[in-house]
Amino acid sequence: MKAIIEIAKRGNALRETLELARRVDAGERLPEADYRLAYESARTLFSDLTPARLELLDTLRRTGPCSVYALAKTAGRNYSNVHSDVAALEALGLIARDDQGAVSVPFDAIEIRLGLSAAAA
């Protein structure tokens, strides 16, 4: 499974994200990605996906499903900060939680696309 995070045209980010979510919910298989997330600017993208959160995704992908406490230990970070980051990433759909509370990254790859014209906007 693959997630794509990209910059959309101004005013279209929410609309595009909702339309893609509707298509996925309807069972439509998107050819390029299993999950898409659109932002209106690089600034908003990187305020949600900070370097610490991106590193946390990488650590979690490498270690596999675990508790938030175990993830904090593995990452060598403060539990409360990891807990906050996990909650934010879960709200974005980039982290999943199972019935026992273990968190995991449900994607083999997360690709961030940042076109130069979009980055300047």
C-alpha atoms as a PDB file:
ATOM      1  CA  MET A   1       0.000   0.000   0.000  1.00  0.00           C
ATOM      2  CA  LYS A   2       1.135   3.504  -0.785  1.00  0.00           C
ATOM      3  CA  ALA A   3       0.141   6.962   0.457  1.00  0.00           C
ATOM      4  CA  ILE A   4       0.719  10.111  -1.547  1.00  0.00           C
ATOM      5  CA  ILE A   5       0.828  13.517   0.106  1.00  0.00           C
ATOM      6  CA  GLU A   6       0.858  16.464  -2.248  1.00  0.00           C
ATOM      7  CA  ILE A   7       0.201  20.142  -2.757  1.00  0.00           C
ATOM      8  CA  ALA A   8      -3.119  20.900  -4.479  1.00  0.00           C
ATOM      9  CA  LYS A   9      -4.235  24.094  -6.152  1.00  0.00           C
ATOM     10  CA  ARG A  10      -5.461  26.725  -3.713  1.00  0.00           C
ATOM     11  CA  GLY A  11      -9.022  26.055  -2.637  1.00  0.00           C
ATOM     12  CA  ASN A  12      -8.948  22.492  -3.960  1.00  0.00           C
ATOM     13  CA  ALA A  13      -7.046  20.621  -1.241  1.00  0.00           C
ATOM     14  CA  LEU A  14     -10.026  19.788   0.962  1.00  0.00           C
ATOM     15  CA  ARG A  15     -12.269  19.143  -2.020  1.00  0.00           C
ATOM     16  CA  GLU A  16      -9.736  16.779  -3.613  1.00  0.00           C
ATOM     17  CA  THR A  17      -9.085  14.940  -0.338  1.00  0.00           C
ATOM     18  CA  LEU A  18     -12.822  14.454   0.281  1.00  0.00           C
ATOM     19  CA  GLU A  19     -13.430  13.290  -3.298  1.00  0.00           C
ATOM     20  CA  LEU A  20     -10.606  10.757  -3.101  1.00  0.00           C
ATOM     21  CA  ALA A  21     -11.867   9.517   0.278  1.00  0.00           C
ATOM     22  CA  ARG A  22     -15.358   9.118  -1.208  1.00  0.00           C
ATOM     23  CA  ARG A  23     -13.963   7.114  -4.128  1.00  0.00           C
ATOM     24  CA  VAL A  24     -11.966   4.849  -1.814  1.00  0.00           C
ATOM     25  CA  ASP A  25     -14.983   4.356   0.478  1.00  0.00           C
ATOM     26  CA  ALA A  26     -17.030   3.394  -2.589  1.00  0.00           C
ATOM     27  CA  GLY A  27     -14.517   0.619  -3.250  1.00  0.00           C
ATOM     28  CA  GLU A  28     -12.897   2.293  -6.223  1.00  0.00           C
ATOM     29  CA  ARG A  29      -9.271   1.297  -6.582  1.00  0.00           C
ATOM     30  CA  LEU A  30      -7.103   4.314  -7.277  1.00  0.00           C
ATOM     31  CA  PRO A  31      -4.380   3.350  -9.727  1.00  0.00           C
ATOM     32  CA  GLU A  32      -1.432   5.094  -8.132  1.00  0.00           C
ATOM     33  CA  ALA A  33      -2.057   5.147  -4.389  1.00  0.00           C
ATOM     34  CA  ASP A  34      -4.207   3.580  -1.716  1.00  0.00           C
ATOM     35  CA  TYR A  35      -4.441   6.855   0.215  1.00  0.00           C
ATOM     36  CA  ARG A  36      -4.027  10.505  -0.740  1.00  0.00           C
ATOM     37  CA  LEU A  37      -3.710  13.608   1.368  1.00  0.00           C
ATOM     38  CA  ALA A  38      -3.725  17.085  -0.206  1.00  0.00           C
ATOM     39  CA  TYR A  39      -2.505  20.383   1.245  1.00  0.00           C
ATOM     40  CA  GLU A  40      -2.876  23.904  -0.108  1.00  0.00           C
ATOM     41  CA  SER A  41       0.708  24.895   0.652  1.00  0.00           C
ATOM     42  CA  ALA A  42       4.061  23.479   1.611  1.00  0.00           C
ATOM     43  CA  ARG A  43       3.868  25.505   4.815  1.00  0.00           C
ATOM     44  CA  THR A  44       0.713  23.709   5.993  1.00  0.00           C
ATOM     45  CA  LEU A  45       2.014  20.335   4.843  1.00  0.00           C
ATOM     46  CA  PHE A  46       5.211  20.687   6.834  1.00  0.00           C
ATOM     47  CA  SER A  47       3.453  22.103   9.875  1.00  0.00           C
ATOM     48  CA  ASP A  48       1.528  18.811  10.063  1.00  0.00           C
ATOM     49  CA  LEU A  49       4.384  16.586   8.904  1.00  0.00           C
ATOM     50  CA  THR A  50       7.275  17.886  10.962  1.00  0.00           C
ATOM     51  CA  PRO A  51      10.703  16.241  10.753  1.00  0.00           C
ATOM     52  CA  ALA A  52      10.020  14.566  14.121  1.00  0.00           C
ATOM     53  CA  ARG A  53       6.735  13.119  12.866  1.00  0.00           C
ATOM     54  CA  LEU A  54       8.297  11.894   9.629  1.00  0.00           C
ATOM     55  CA  GLU A  55      11.053  10.223  11.635  1.00  0.00           C
ATOM     56  CA  LEU A  56       8.419   8.668  13.905  1.00  0.00           C
ATOM     57  CA  LEU A  57       6.643   7.209  10.856  1.00  0.00           C
ATOM     58  CA  ASP A  58       9.931   5.710   9.694  1.00  0.00           C
ATOM     59  CA  THR A  59      10.694   4.265  13.141  1.00  0.00           C
ATOM     60  CA  LEU A  60       7.210   2.789  13.449  1.00  0.00           C
ATOM     61  CA  ARG A  61       7.349   1.299   9.951  1.00  0.00           C
ATOM     62  CA  ARG A  62      10.673  -0.376  10.758  1.00  0.00           C
ATOM     63  CA  THR A  63       9.641  -1.719  14.184  1.00  0.00           C
ATOM     64  CA  GLY A  64       6.110  -2.781  13.304  1.00  0.00           C
ATOM     65  CA  PRO A  65       2.958  -2.583  15.431  1.00  0.00           C
ATOM     66  CA  CYS A  66       3.612  -1.575  19.035  1.00  0.00           C
ATOM     67  CA  SER A  67       2.296   0.511  21.893  1.00  0.00           C
ATOM     68  CA  VAL A  68       2.893   4.258  21.959  1.00  0.00           C
ATOM     69  CA  TYR A  69       5.102   3.696  25.015  1.00  0.00           C
ATOM     70  CA  ALA A  70       7.261   1.149  23.144  1.00  0.00           C
ATOM     71  CA  LEU A  71       7.452   3.497  20.169  1.00  0.00           C
ATOM     72  CA  ALA A  72       8.642   6.345  22.400  1.00  0.00           C
ATOM     73  CA  LYS A  73      11.325   4.072  23.899  1.00  0.00           C
ATOM     74  CA  THR A  74      12.460   2.875  20.460  1.00  0.00           C
ATOM     75  CA  ALA A  75      12.566   6.429  19.108  1.00  0.00           C
ATOM     76  CA  GLY A  76      14.357   7.716  22.214  1.00  0.00           C
ATOM     77  CA  ARG A  77      11.765  10.449  22.656  1.00  0.00           C
ATOM     78  CA  ASN A  78       9.565  11.731  25.452  1.00  0.00           C
ATOM     79  CA  TYR A  79       6.336   9.718  25.789  1.00  0.00           C
ATOM     80  CA  SER A  80       3.985  12.734  25.870  1.00  0.00           C
ATOM     81  CA  ASN A  81       5.523  14.209  22.713  1.00  0.00           C
ATOM     82  CA  VAL A  82       5.268  10.867  20.903  1.00  0.00           C
ATOM     83  CA  HIS A  83       1.688  10.462  22.127  1.00  0.00           C
ATOM     84  CA  SER A  84       0.789  13.889  20.667  1.00  0.00           C
ATOM     85  CA  ASP A  85       2.555  13.119  17.385  1.00  0.00           C
ATOM     86  CA  VAL A  86       0.848   9.715  17.100  1.00  0.00           C
ATOM     87  CA  ALA A  87      -2.557  11.343  17.692  1.00  0.00           C
ATOM     88  CA  ALA A  88      -1.856  13.918  14.947  1.00  0.00           C
ATOM     89  CA  LEU A  89      -0.623  11.279  12.491  1.00  0.00           C
ATOM     90  CA  GLU A  90      -3.591   9.046  13.305  1.00  0.00           C
ATOM     91  CA  ALA A  91      -5.972  11.960  12.605  1.00  0.00           C
ATOM     92  CA  LEU A  92      -4.275  12.403   9.214  1.00  0.00           C
ATOM     93  CA  GLY A  93      -4.776   8.704   8.442  1.00  0.00           C
ATOM     94  CA  LEU A  94      -1.051   7.930   8.355  1.00  0.00           C
ATOM     95  CA  ILE A  95      -1.070   5.753  11.501  1.00  0.00           C
ATOM     96  CA  ALA A  96      -3.599   3.028  12.336  1.00  0.00           C
ATOM     97  CA  ARG A  97      -4.508   1.622  15.730  1.00  0.00           C
ATOM     98  CA  ASP A  98      -5.691  -1.957  16.285  1.00  0.00           C
ATOM     99  CA  ASP A  99      -8.211  -3.272  18.834  1.00  0.00           C
ATOM    100  CA  GLN A 100      -5.477  -3.732  21.452  1.00  0.00           C
ATOM    101  CA  GLY A 101      -4.262  -0.149  21.029  1.00  0.00           C
ATOM    102  CA  ALA A 102      -1.082  -0.973  19.089  1.00  0.00           C
ATOM    103  CA  VAL A 103      -0.162   1.587  16.455  1.00  0.00           C
ATOM    104  CA  SER A 104       1.271   0.878  13.012  1.00  0.00           C
ATOM    105  CA  VAL A 105       1.908   2.469   9.636  1.00  0.00           C
ATOM    106  CA  PRO A 106      -0.483   0.796   7.188  1.00  0.00           C
ATOM    107  CA  PHE A 107       1.603   1.780   4.161  1.00  0.00           C
ATOM    108  CA  ASP A 108       4.715   0.337   2.549  1.00  0.00           C
ATOM    109  CA  ALA A 109       5.598   3.811   1.289  1.00  0.00           C
ATOM    110  CA  ILE A 110       4.570   7.394   1.900  1.00  0.00           C
ATOM    111  CA  GLU A 111       5.467   9.702  -0.949  1.00  0.00           C
ATOM    112  CA  ILE A 112       5.494  13.486  -0.566  1.00  0.00           C
ATOM    113  CA  ARG A 113       5.134  15.361  -3.848  1.00  0.00           C
ATOM    114  CA  LEU A 114       6.107  18.984  -3.885  1.00  0.00           C
ATOM    115  CA  GLY A 115       6.057  20.668  -7.286  1.00  0.00           C
ATOM    116  CA  LEU A 116       8.124  23.811  -7.487  1.00  0.00           C
ATOM    117  CA  SER A 117       5.226  25.941  -8.705  1.00  0.00           C
ATOM    118  CA  ALA A 118       3.064  24.657  -5.827  1.00  0.00           C
ATOM    119  CA  ALA A 119       5.814  25.265  -3.274  1.00  0.00           C
ATOM    120  CA  ALA A 120       6.065  28.915  -4.266  1.00  0.00           C
ATOM    121  CA  ALA A 121       2.328  29.459  -3.810  1.00  0.00           C
END
